[in-house]
Amino acid sequence: MKSKLERRVNLLIAYALLSSLAIVILISNLFMEQNKKGSYDELEVKRINLIAEDGTLRMVLSNENRQHPGVVNGKQLPDRERDAGILFFNTEGDECGGLIYHGNNQDGQTHSGMSFTMDQYHNDQVIQILNSEYYKGEESEIHRGISISDIPIGLNLDETMDKYEELEKIADEKQRNKLIQELFQAEGSKRRLFMGKTSNEKTGLFLADAEGNYKLKLYVDSEGNPKFESINEDGETVDLLAK
């Protein structure tokens, strides 16, 4: 007859074998679940992260409460309020553009809009398709169109933001505002082209120089009059249709 020790050893061996088999089955099921393809008629989620094979973000589809703060030059930006929509991330994991939208009516004022943007490498947006609407009673302000901007090449948005945060610590308000304005003048974006409808009811094509100053305007004004204007170095407007 088998001794108690032999029976215990046999029980331990059987337990070990069964445990190992269970773990193998569990791991196999997990692996199969990870690679399982599904087909669904409808999904209801608050956020979806599309990732690369190494887990790096490629796209985030989210509501306004869970939206990603963004990544620039490999650094995740601080949490901030952002609209619902889609954010795109390049192969390095940096945010490179997005589609956002909003619309609300509070205290008799309506704000509504949608924006599709494309960012410069390691920096902010340089191409934008925008629709922005504001209504209050009989008042309205509508701005919609396509804009193209320039940002000095080689700048990183995170470094510019670090400089801005340091300037925000300056106690002297006048000095602080002066230096912040100089920073954005040197490292901020400059609009070079806008095509669409402006907030003052002009619809047309507007071209600017490297400093963001409009130099040529071809548009129809709020009263339906065609306009073709150039702006000289002194800021004076010349009516080209009058010549």
C-alpha atoms as a PDB file:
ATOM      1  CA  MET A   1       0.000   0.000   0.000  1.00  0.00           C
ATOM      2  CA  LYS A   2       1.121   3.538  -0.749  1.00  0.00           C
ATOM      3  CA  SER A   3       2.280   5.581   2.191  1.00  0.00           C
ATOM      4  CA  LYS A   4       0.617   8.871   3.105  1.00  0.00           C
ATOM      5  CA  LEU A   5       3.715  10.689   1.865  1.00  0.00           C
ATOM      6  CA  GLU A   6       3.485   9.027  -1.581  1.00  0.00           C
ATOM      7  CA  ARG A   7      -0.200   9.923  -1.860  1.00  0.00           C
ATOM      8  CA  ARG A   8       0.503  13.539  -0.958  1.00  0.00           C
ATOM      9  CA  VAL A   9       3.314  13.738  -3.508  1.00  0.00           C
ATOM     10  CA  ASN A  10       1.026  12.297  -6.192  1.00  0.00           C
ATOM     11  CA  LEU A  11      -1.685  14.805  -5.286  1.00  0.00           C
ATOM     12  CA  LEU A  12       0.785  17.668  -5.498  1.00  0.00           C
ATOM     13  CA  ILE A  13       2.003  16.481  -8.912  1.00  0.00           C
ATOM     14  CA  ALA A  14      -1.576  16.172 -10.180  1.00  0.00           C
ATOM     15  CA  TYR A  15      -2.389  19.632  -8.823  1.00  0.00           C
ATOM     16  CA  ALA A  16       0.673  21.109 -10.496  1.00  0.00           C
ATOM     17  CA  LEU A  17      -0.215  19.505 -13.831  1.00  0.00           C
ATOM     18  CA  LEU A  18      -3.821  20.672 -13.678  1.00  0.00           C
ATOM     19  CA  SER A  19      -2.748  24.213 -12.663  1.00  0.00           C
ATOM     20  CA  SER A  20      -0.238  24.377 -15.513  1.00  0.00           C
ATOM     21  CA  LEU A  21      -2.892  23.182 -17.984  1.00  0.00           C
ATOM     22  CA  ALA A  22      -5.354  25.782 -16.703  1.00  0.00           C
ATOM     23  CA  ILE A  23      -2.774  28.572 -17.095  1.00  0.00           C
ATOM     24  CA  VAL A  24      -1.961  27.446 -20.644  1.00  0.00           C
ATOM     25  CA  ILE A  25      -5.663  27.425 -21.539  1.00  0.00           C
ATOM     26  CA  LEU A  26      -6.146  30.880 -19.982  1.00  0.00           C
ATOM     27  CA  ILE A  27      -3.173  32.391 -21.838  1.00  0.00           C
ATOM     28  CA  SER A  28      -4.345  30.821 -25.106  1.00  0.00           C
ATOM     29  CA  ASN A  29      -7.824  32.283 -24.623  1.00  0.00           C
ATOM     30  CA  LEU A  30      -6.385  35.727 -23.872  1.00  0.00           C
ATOM     31  CA  PHE A  31      -4.178  35.562 -26.961  1.00  0.00           C
ATOM     32  CA  MET A  32      -7.148  34.513 -29.074  1.00  0.00           C
ATOM     33  CA  GLU A  33      -9.256  37.345 -27.625  1.00  0.00           C
ATOM     34  CA  GLN A  34      -6.534  39.916 -28.399  1.00  0.00           C
ATOM     35  CA  ASN A  35      -6.450  38.869 -32.035  1.00  0.00           C
ATOM     36  CA  LYS A  36     -10.147  38.296 -32.443  1.00  0.00           C
ATOM     37  CA  LYS A  37     -11.939  40.348 -35.063  1.00  0.00           C
ATOM     38  CA  GLY A  38     -15.435  41.519 -34.376  1.00  0.00           C
ATOM     39  CA  SER A  39     -18.356  42.880 -36.319  1.00  0.00           C
ATOM     40  CA  TYR A  40     -20.865  45.097 -34.528  1.00  0.00           C
ATOM     41  CA  ASP A  41     -23.961  46.944 -35.614  1.00  0.00           C
ATOM     42  CA  GLU A  42     -23.493  49.715 -33.054  1.00  0.00           C
ATOM     43  CA  LEU A  43     -20.968  50.855 -30.437  1.00  0.00           C
ATOM     44  CA  GLU A  44     -21.527  53.343 -27.623  1.00  0.00           C
ATOM     45  CA  VAL A  45     -18.271  54.612 -26.110  1.00  0.00           C
ATOM     46  CA  LYS A  46     -16.855  57.770 -24.541  1.00  0.00           C
ATOM     47  CA  ARG A  47     -13.394  57.507 -26.088  1.00  0.00           C
ATOM     48  CA  ILE A  48     -11.548  55.337 -28.608  1.00  0.00           C
ATOM     49  CA  ASN A  49      -7.746  55.156 -28.868  1.00  0.00           C
ATOM     50  CA  LEU A  50      -6.320  53.906 -32.153  1.00  0.00           C
ATOM     51  CA  ILE A  51      -2.768  52.673 -31.534  1.00  0.00           C
ATOM     52  CA  ALA A  52       0.213  51.394 -33.523  1.00  0.00           C
ATOM     53  CA  GLU A  53       1.653  47.917 -33.012  1.00  0.00           C
ATOM     54  CA  ASP A  54       3.976  49.295 -30.313  1.00  0.00           C
ATOM     55  CA  GLY A  55       1.108  50.991 -28.456  1.00  0.00           C
ATOM     56  CA  THR A  56       1.855  54.534 -29.694  1.00  0.00           C
ATOM     57  CA  LEU A  57      -1.226  56.676 -30.285  1.00  0.00           C
ATOM     58  CA  ARG A  58      -2.307  57.270 -33.872  1.00  0.00           C
ATOM     59  CA  MET A  59      -5.790  58.722 -33.324  1.00  0.00           C
ATOM     60  CA  VAL A  60      -8.128  59.585 -30.454  1.00  0.00           C
ATOM     61  CA  LEU A  61     -11.885  59.884 -30.897  1.00  0.00           C
ATOM     62  CA  SER A  62     -13.340  61.354 -27.724  1.00  0.00           C
ATOM     63  CA  ASN A  63     -16.036  63.411 -26.062  1.00  0.00           C
ATOM     64  CA  GLU A  64     -15.091  66.784 -24.582  1.00  0.00           C
ATOM     65  CA  ASN A  65     -14.547  65.467 -21.046  1.00  0.00           C
ATOM     66  CA  ARG A  66     -12.038  62.754 -21.993  1.00  0.00           C
ATOM     67  CA  GLN A  67     -10.217  64.429 -24.863  1.00  0.00           C
ATOM     68  CA  HIS A  68      -6.436  63.947 -25.017  1.00  0.00           C
ATOM     69  CA  PRO A  69      -4.418  67.104 -24.123  1.00  0.00           C
ATOM     70  CA  GLY A  70      -1.983  66.493 -26.988  1.00  0.00           C
ATOM     71  CA  VAL A  71       1.673  65.551 -27.411  1.00  0.00           C
ATOM     72  CA  VAL A  72       4.378  67.834 -28.847  1.00  0.00           C
ATOM     73  CA  ASN A  73       7.996  66.816 -29.358  1.00  0.00           C
ATOM     74  CA  GLY A  74       7.382  63.661 -27.353  1.00  0.00           C
ATOM     75  CA  LYS A  75       5.980  65.547 -24.345  1.00  0.00           C
ATOM     76  CA  GLN A  76       2.367  65.254 -23.258  1.00  0.00           C
ATOM     77  CA  LEU A  77       0.822  68.673 -22.702  1.00  0.00           C
ATOM     78  CA  PRO A  78      -0.897  69.544 -19.391  1.00  0.00           C
ATOM     79  CA  ASP A  79      -4.579  68.656 -19.058  1.00  0.00           C
ATOM     80  CA  ARG A  80      -6.772  71.343 -20.589  1.00  0.00           C
ATOM     81  CA  GLU A  81     -10.291  71.904 -21.840  1.00  0.00           C
ATOM     82  CA  ARG A  82     -10.765  70.666 -25.391  1.00  0.00           C
ATOM     83  CA  ASP A  83     -13.794  70.138 -27.602  1.00  0.00           C
ATOM     84  CA  ALA A  84     -15.107  66.758 -28.632  1.00  0.00           C
ATOM     85  CA  GLY A  85     -13.694  65.365 -31.852  1.00  0.00           C
ATOM     86  CA  ILE A  86     -10.779  63.514 -33.393  1.00  0.00           C
ATOM     87  CA  LEU A  87      -7.066  64.112 -32.799  1.00  0.00           C
ATOM     88  CA  PHE A  88      -4.403  62.702 -35.122  1.00  0.00           C
ATOM     89  CA  PHE A  89      -0.879  61.660 -34.065  1.00  0.00           C
ATOM     90  CA  ASN A  90       2.051  61.100 -36.420  1.00  0.00           C
ATOM     91  CA  THR A  91       4.396  58.101 -36.456  1.00  0.00           C
ATOM     92  CA  GLU A  92       6.462  59.687 -33.666  1.00  0.00           C
ATOM     93  CA  GLY A  93       3.398  60.015 -31.461  1.00  0.00           C
ATOM     94  CA  ASP A  94       3.082  63.810 -31.758  1.00  0.00           C
ATOM     95  CA  GLU A  95      -0.262  65.467 -32.390  1.00  0.00           C
ATOM     96  CA  CYS A  96      -0.417  66.610 -36.010  1.00  0.00           C
ATOM     97  CA  GLY A  97      -3.964  67.888 -36.452  1.00  0.00           C
ATOM     98  CA  GLY A  98      -7.562  67.192 -35.688  1.00  0.00           C
ATOM     99  CA  LEU A  99     -11.259  67.736 -36.143  1.00  0.00           C
ATOM    100  CA  ILE A 100     -13.174  69.389 -33.295  1.00  0.00           C
ATOM    101  CA  TYR A 101     -16.714  70.690 -32.944  1.00  0.00           C
ATOM    102  CA  HIS A 102     -19.054  72.291 -30.447  1.00  0.00           C
ATOM    103  CA  GLY A 103     -22.406  74.002 -30.146  1.00  0.00           C
ATOM    104  CA  ASN A 104     -24.276  75.428 -27.180  1.00  0.00           C
ATOM    105  CA  ASN A 105     -26.903  77.970 -26.254  1.00  0.00           C
ATOM    106  CA  GLN A 106     -26.575  79.642 -22.874  1.00  0.00           C
ATOM    107  CA  ASP A 107     -27.863  82.924 -21.448  1.00  0.00           C
ATOM    108  CA  GLY A 108     -29.396  83.854 -24.791  1.00  0.00           C
ATOM    109  CA  GLN A 109     -26.103  83.402 -26.636  1.00  0.00           C
ATOM    110  CA  THR A 110     -25.363  80.708 -29.194  1.00  0.00           C
ATOM    111  CA  HIS A 111     -21.871  79.498 -29.999  1.00  0.00           C
ATOM    112  CA  SER A 112     -21.426  76.889 -32.699  1.00  0.00           C
ATOM    113  CA  GLY A 113     -18.498  75.745 -34.782  1.00  0.00           C
ATOM    114  CA  MET A 114     -16.309  73.098 -36.335  1.00  0.00           C
ATOM    115  CA  SER A 115     -12.605  73.164 -37.149  1.00  0.00           C
ATOM    116  CA  PHE A 116     -10.341  70.830 -39.125  1.00  0.00           C
ATOM    117  CA  THR A 117      -6.657  71.619 -38.670  1.00  0.00           C
ATOM    118  CA  MET A 118      -3.243  70.388 -39.814  1.00  0.00           C
ATOM    119  CA  ASP A 119      -0.180  71.140 -37.682  1.00  0.00           C
ATOM    120  CA  GLN A 120       3.386  72.026 -38.550  1.00  0.00           C
ATOM    121  CA  TYR A 121       5.939  69.429 -37.419  1.00  0.00           C
ATOM    122  CA  HIS A 122       6.545  69.867 -33.663  1.00  0.00           C
ATOM    123  CA  ASN A 123       4.320  72.949 -33.647  1.00  0.00           C
ATOM    124  CA  ASP A 124       0.822  74.340 -33.948  1.00  0.00           C
ATOM    125  CA  GLN A 125      -1.738  74.473 -36.746  1.00  0.00           C
ATOM    126  CA  VAL A 126      -0.834  75.995 -40.115  1.00  0.00           C
ATOM    127  CA  ILE A 127      -3.853  74.928 -42.186  1.00  0.00           C
ATOM    128  CA  GLN A 128      -7.433  75.290 -40.961  1.00  0.00           C
ATOM    129  CA  ILE A 129     -10.917  74.815 -42.351  1.00  0.00           C
ATOM    130  CA  LEU A 130     -13.221  76.670 -39.979  1.00  0.00           C
ATOM    131  CA  ASN A 131     -16.869  77.470 -39.378  1.00  0.00           C
ATOM    132  CA  SER A 132     -17.559  79.722 -36.383  1.00  0.00           C
ATOM    133  CA  GLU A 133     -21.007  81.127 -35.553  1.00  0.00           C
ATOM    134  CA  TYR A 134     -22.203  83.440 -32.785  1.00  0.00           C
ATOM    135  CA  TYR A 135     -25.771  84.665 -32.222  1.00  0.00           C
ATOM    136  CA  LYS A 136     -27.314  86.924 -29.593  1.00  0.00           C
ATOM    137  CA  GLY A 137     -30.796  88.141 -30.313  1.00  0.00           C
ATOM    138  CA  GLU A 138     -30.674  89.772 -33.735  1.00  0.00           C
ATOM    139  CA  GLU A 139     -26.887  90.090 -33.557  1.00  0.00           C
ATOM    140  CA  SER A 140     -24.727  87.580 -35.367  1.00  0.00           C
ATOM    141  CA  GLU A 141     -21.052  87.088 -36.118  1.00  0.00           C
ATOM    142  CA  ILE A 142     -20.055  84.417 -38.626  1.00  0.00           C
ATOM    143  CA  HIS A 143     -16.566  83.503 -39.706  1.00  0.00           C
ATOM    144  CA  ARG A 144     -15.991  80.627 -42.106  1.00  0.00           C
ATOM    145  CA  GLY A 145     -13.358  79.639 -44.618  1.00  0.00           C
ATOM    146  CA  ILE A 146      -9.864  78.265 -45.197  1.00  0.00           C
ATOM    147  CA  SER A 147      -6.712  79.803 -43.747  1.00  0.00           C
ATOM    148  CA  ILE A 148      -3.010  79.078 -44.235  1.00  0.00           C
ATOM    149  CA  SER A 149      -0.408  80.298 -41.763  1.00  0.00           C
ATOM    150  CA  ASP A 150       3.385  80.242 -41.353  1.00  0.00           C
ATOM    151  CA  ILE A 151       5.428  79.391 -38.257  1.00  0.00           C
ATOM    152  CA  PRO A 152       9.229  79.853 -38.268  1.00  0.00           C
ATOM    153  CA  ILE A 153      10.815  76.526 -39.213  1.00  0.00           C
ATOM    154  CA  GLY A 154      12.753  74.707 -36.507  1.00  0.00           C
ATOM    155  CA  LEU A 155      10.728  75.957 -33.547  1.00  0.00           C
ATOM    156  CA  ASN A 156       9.122  73.539 -31.089  1.00  0.00           C
ATOM    157  CA  LEU A 157       5.769  74.451 -29.572  1.00  0.00           C
ATOM    158  CA  ASP A 158       6.667  72.967 -26.183  1.00  0.00           C
ATOM    159  CA  GLU A 159       9.735  75.213 -25.940  1.00  0.00           C
ATOM    160  CA  THR A 160       7.678  78.276 -26.861  1.00  0.00           C
ATOM    161  CA  MET A 161       5.119  77.332 -24.214  1.00  0.00           C
ATOM    162  CA  ASP A 162       7.884  76.949 -21.618  1.00  0.00           C
ATOM    163  CA  LYS A 163       9.083  80.477 -22.439  1.00  0.00           C
ATOM    164  CA  TYR A 164       5.509  81.766 -22.143  1.00  0.00           C
ATOM    165  CA  GLU A 165       5.067  80.162 -18.716  1.00  0.00           C
ATOM    166  CA  GLU A 166       8.266  81.815 -17.502  1.00  0.00           C
ATOM    167  CA  LEU A 167       7.094  85.216 -18.765  1.00  0.00           C
ATOM    168  CA  GLU A 168       3.758  84.734 -16.989  1.00  0.00           C
ATOM    169  CA  LYS A 169       5.670  84.802 -13.693  1.00  0.00           C
ATOM    170  CA  ILE A 170       6.806  88.421 -14.221  1.00  0.00           C
ATOM    171  CA  ALA A 171       5.080  90.627 -11.654  1.00  0.00           C
ATOM    172  CA  ASP A 172       5.182  93.853 -13.676  1.00  0.00           C
ATOM    173  CA  GLU A 173       2.084  93.601 -15.904  1.00  0.00           C
ATOM    174  CA  LYS A 174       3.306  96.092 -18.496  1.00  0.00           C
ATOM    175  CA  GLN A 175       6.688  94.390 -18.826  1.00  0.00           C
ATOM    176  CA  ARG A 176       5.068  90.957 -18.842  1.00  0.00           C
ATOM    177  CA  ASN A 177       2.631  91.805 -21.630  1.00  0.00           C
ATOM    178  CA  LYS A 178       5.386  93.469 -23.667  1.00  0.00           C
ATOM    179  CA  LEU A 179       7.649  90.393 -23.518  1.00  0.00           C
ATOM    180  CA  ILE A 180       4.779  87.995 -24.232  1.00  0.00           C
ATOM    181  CA  GLN A 181       3.825  90.029 -27.298  1.00  0.00           C
ATOM    182  CA  GLU A 182       7.449  89.952 -28.478  1.00  0.00           C
ATOM    183  CA  LEU A 183       7.579  86.183 -27.963  1.00  0.00           C
ATOM    184  CA  PHE A 184       4.490  85.530 -30.064  1.00  0.00           C
ATOM    185  CA  GLN A 185       5.672  87.996 -32.673  1.00  0.00           C
ATOM    186  CA  ALA A 186       8.927  86.061 -33.013  1.00  0.00           C
ATOM    187  CA  GLU A 187       7.687  82.477 -32.587  1.00  0.00           C
ATOM    188  CA  GLY A 188       3.938  82.580 -33.170  1.00  0.00           C
ATOM    189  CA  SER A 189       2.010  81.822 -36.333  1.00  0.00           C
ATOM    190  CA  LYS A 190       1.367  84.426 -39.027  1.00  0.00           C
ATOM    191  CA  ARG A 191      -1.659  84.104 -41.258  1.00  0.00           C
ATOM    192  CA  ARG A 192      -0.645  84.256 -44.912  1.00  0.00           C
ATOM    193  CA  LEU A 193      -3.918  83.491 -46.671  1.00  0.00           C
ATOM    194  CA  PHE A 194      -7.604  83.465 -45.861  1.00  0.00           C
ATOM    195  CA  MET A 195     -10.357  82.533 -48.277  1.00  0.00           C
ATOM    196  CA  GLY A 196     -13.938  82.745 -47.095  1.00  0.00           C
ATOM    197  CA  LYS A 197     -16.322  84.932 -45.140  1.00  0.00           C
ATOM    198  CA  THR A 198     -14.995  87.290 -42.468  1.00  0.00           C
ATOM    199  CA  SER A 199     -16.812  88.395 -39.320  1.00  0.00           C
ATOM    200  CA  ASN A 200     -17.498  91.822 -40.910  1.00  0.00           C
ATOM    201  CA  GLU A 201     -19.418  90.251 -43.800  1.00  0.00           C
ATOM    202  CA  LYS A 202     -16.670  90.368 -46.414  1.00  0.00           C
ATOM    203  CA  THR A 203     -16.389  87.324 -48.673  1.00  0.00           C
ATOM    204  CA  GLY A 204     -13.281  86.813 -50.754  1.00  0.00           C
ATOM    205  CA  LEU A 205      -9.544  86.144 -50.897  1.00  0.00           C
ATOM    206  CA  PHE A 206      -7.102  87.887 -48.533  1.00  0.00           C
ATOM    207  CA  LEU A 207      -3.294  87.587 -48.899  1.00  0.00           C
ATOM    208  CA  ALA A 208      -0.706  88.640 -46.296  1.00  0.00           C
ATOM    209  CA  ASP A 209       3.060  89.116 -46.111  1.00  0.00           C
ATOM    210  CA  ALA A 210       5.504  87.167 -43.930  1.00  0.00           C
ATOM    211  CA  GLU A 211       4.581  89.310 -40.908  1.00  0.00           C
ATOM    212  CA  GLY A 212       0.880  88.557 -41.268  1.00  0.00           C
ATOM    213  CA  ASN A 213      -0.057  91.969 -42.654  1.00  0.00           C
ATOM    214  CA  TYR A 214      -2.660  91.837 -45.411  1.00  0.00           C
ATOM    215  CA  LYS A 215      -1.311  93.143 -48.702  1.00  0.00           C
ATOM    216  CA  LEU A 216      -3.920  92.152 -51.266  1.00  0.00           C
ATOM    217  CA  LYS A 217      -7.693  91.788 -50.926  1.00  0.00           C
ATOM    218  CA  LEU A 218     -10.203  90.612 -53.495  1.00  0.00           C
ATOM    219  CA  TYR A 219     -13.695  90.438 -52.036  1.00  0.00           C
ATOM    220  CA  VAL A 220     -17.354  91.404 -52.095  1.00  0.00           C
ATOM    221  CA  ASP A 221     -18.403  93.614 -49.186  1.00  0.00           C
ATOM    222  CA  SER A 222     -21.537  93.395 -47.031  1.00  0.00           C
ATOM    223  CA  GLU A 223     -23.471  95.580 -49.493  1.00  0.00           C
ATOM    224  CA  GLY A 224     -22.571  93.433 -52.489  1.00  0.00           C
ATOM    225  CA  ASN A 225     -19.898  95.724 -53.910  1.00  0.00           C
ATOM    226  CA  PRO A 226     -16.833  94.117 -55.544  1.00  0.00           C
ATOM    227  CA  LYS A 227     -13.491  95.230 -54.106  1.00  0.00           C
ATOM    228  CA  PHE A 228      -9.901  94.766 -55.251  1.00  0.00           C
ATOM    229  CA  GLU A 229      -7.434  96.450 -52.908  1.00  0.00           C
ATOM    230  CA  SER A 230      -3.707  96.523 -52.180  1.00  0.00           C
ATOM    231  CA  ILE A 231      -2.107  97.806 -48.985  1.00  0.00           C
ATOM    232  CA  ASN A 232       1.213  99.620 -49.310  1.00  0.00           C
ATOM    233  CA  GLU A 233       4.130  99.796 -46.847  1.00  0.00           C
ATOM    234  CA  ASP A 234       2.523 102.727 -45.024  1.00  0.00           C
ATOM    235  CA  GLY A 235      -0.666 100.725 -44.406  1.00  0.00           C
ATOM    236  CA  GLU A 236      -2.644 102.764 -46.913  1.00  0.00           C
ATOM    237  CA  THR A 237      -5.327 100.993 -48.956  1.00  0.00           C
ATOM    238  CA  VAL A 238      -5.225 101.454 -52.723  1.00  0.00           C
ATOM    239  CA  ASP A 239      -8.403 100.721 -54.712  1.00  0.00           C
ATOM    240  CA  LEU A 240      -7.170  98.782 -57.744  1.00  0.00           C
ATOM    241  CA  LEU A 241     -10.578  98.826 -59.440  1.00  0.00           C
ATOM    242  CA  ALA A 242     -10.511 102.632 -59.504  1.00  0.00           C
ATOM    243  CA  LYS A 243      -7.481 102.681 -61.792  1.00  0.00           C
END
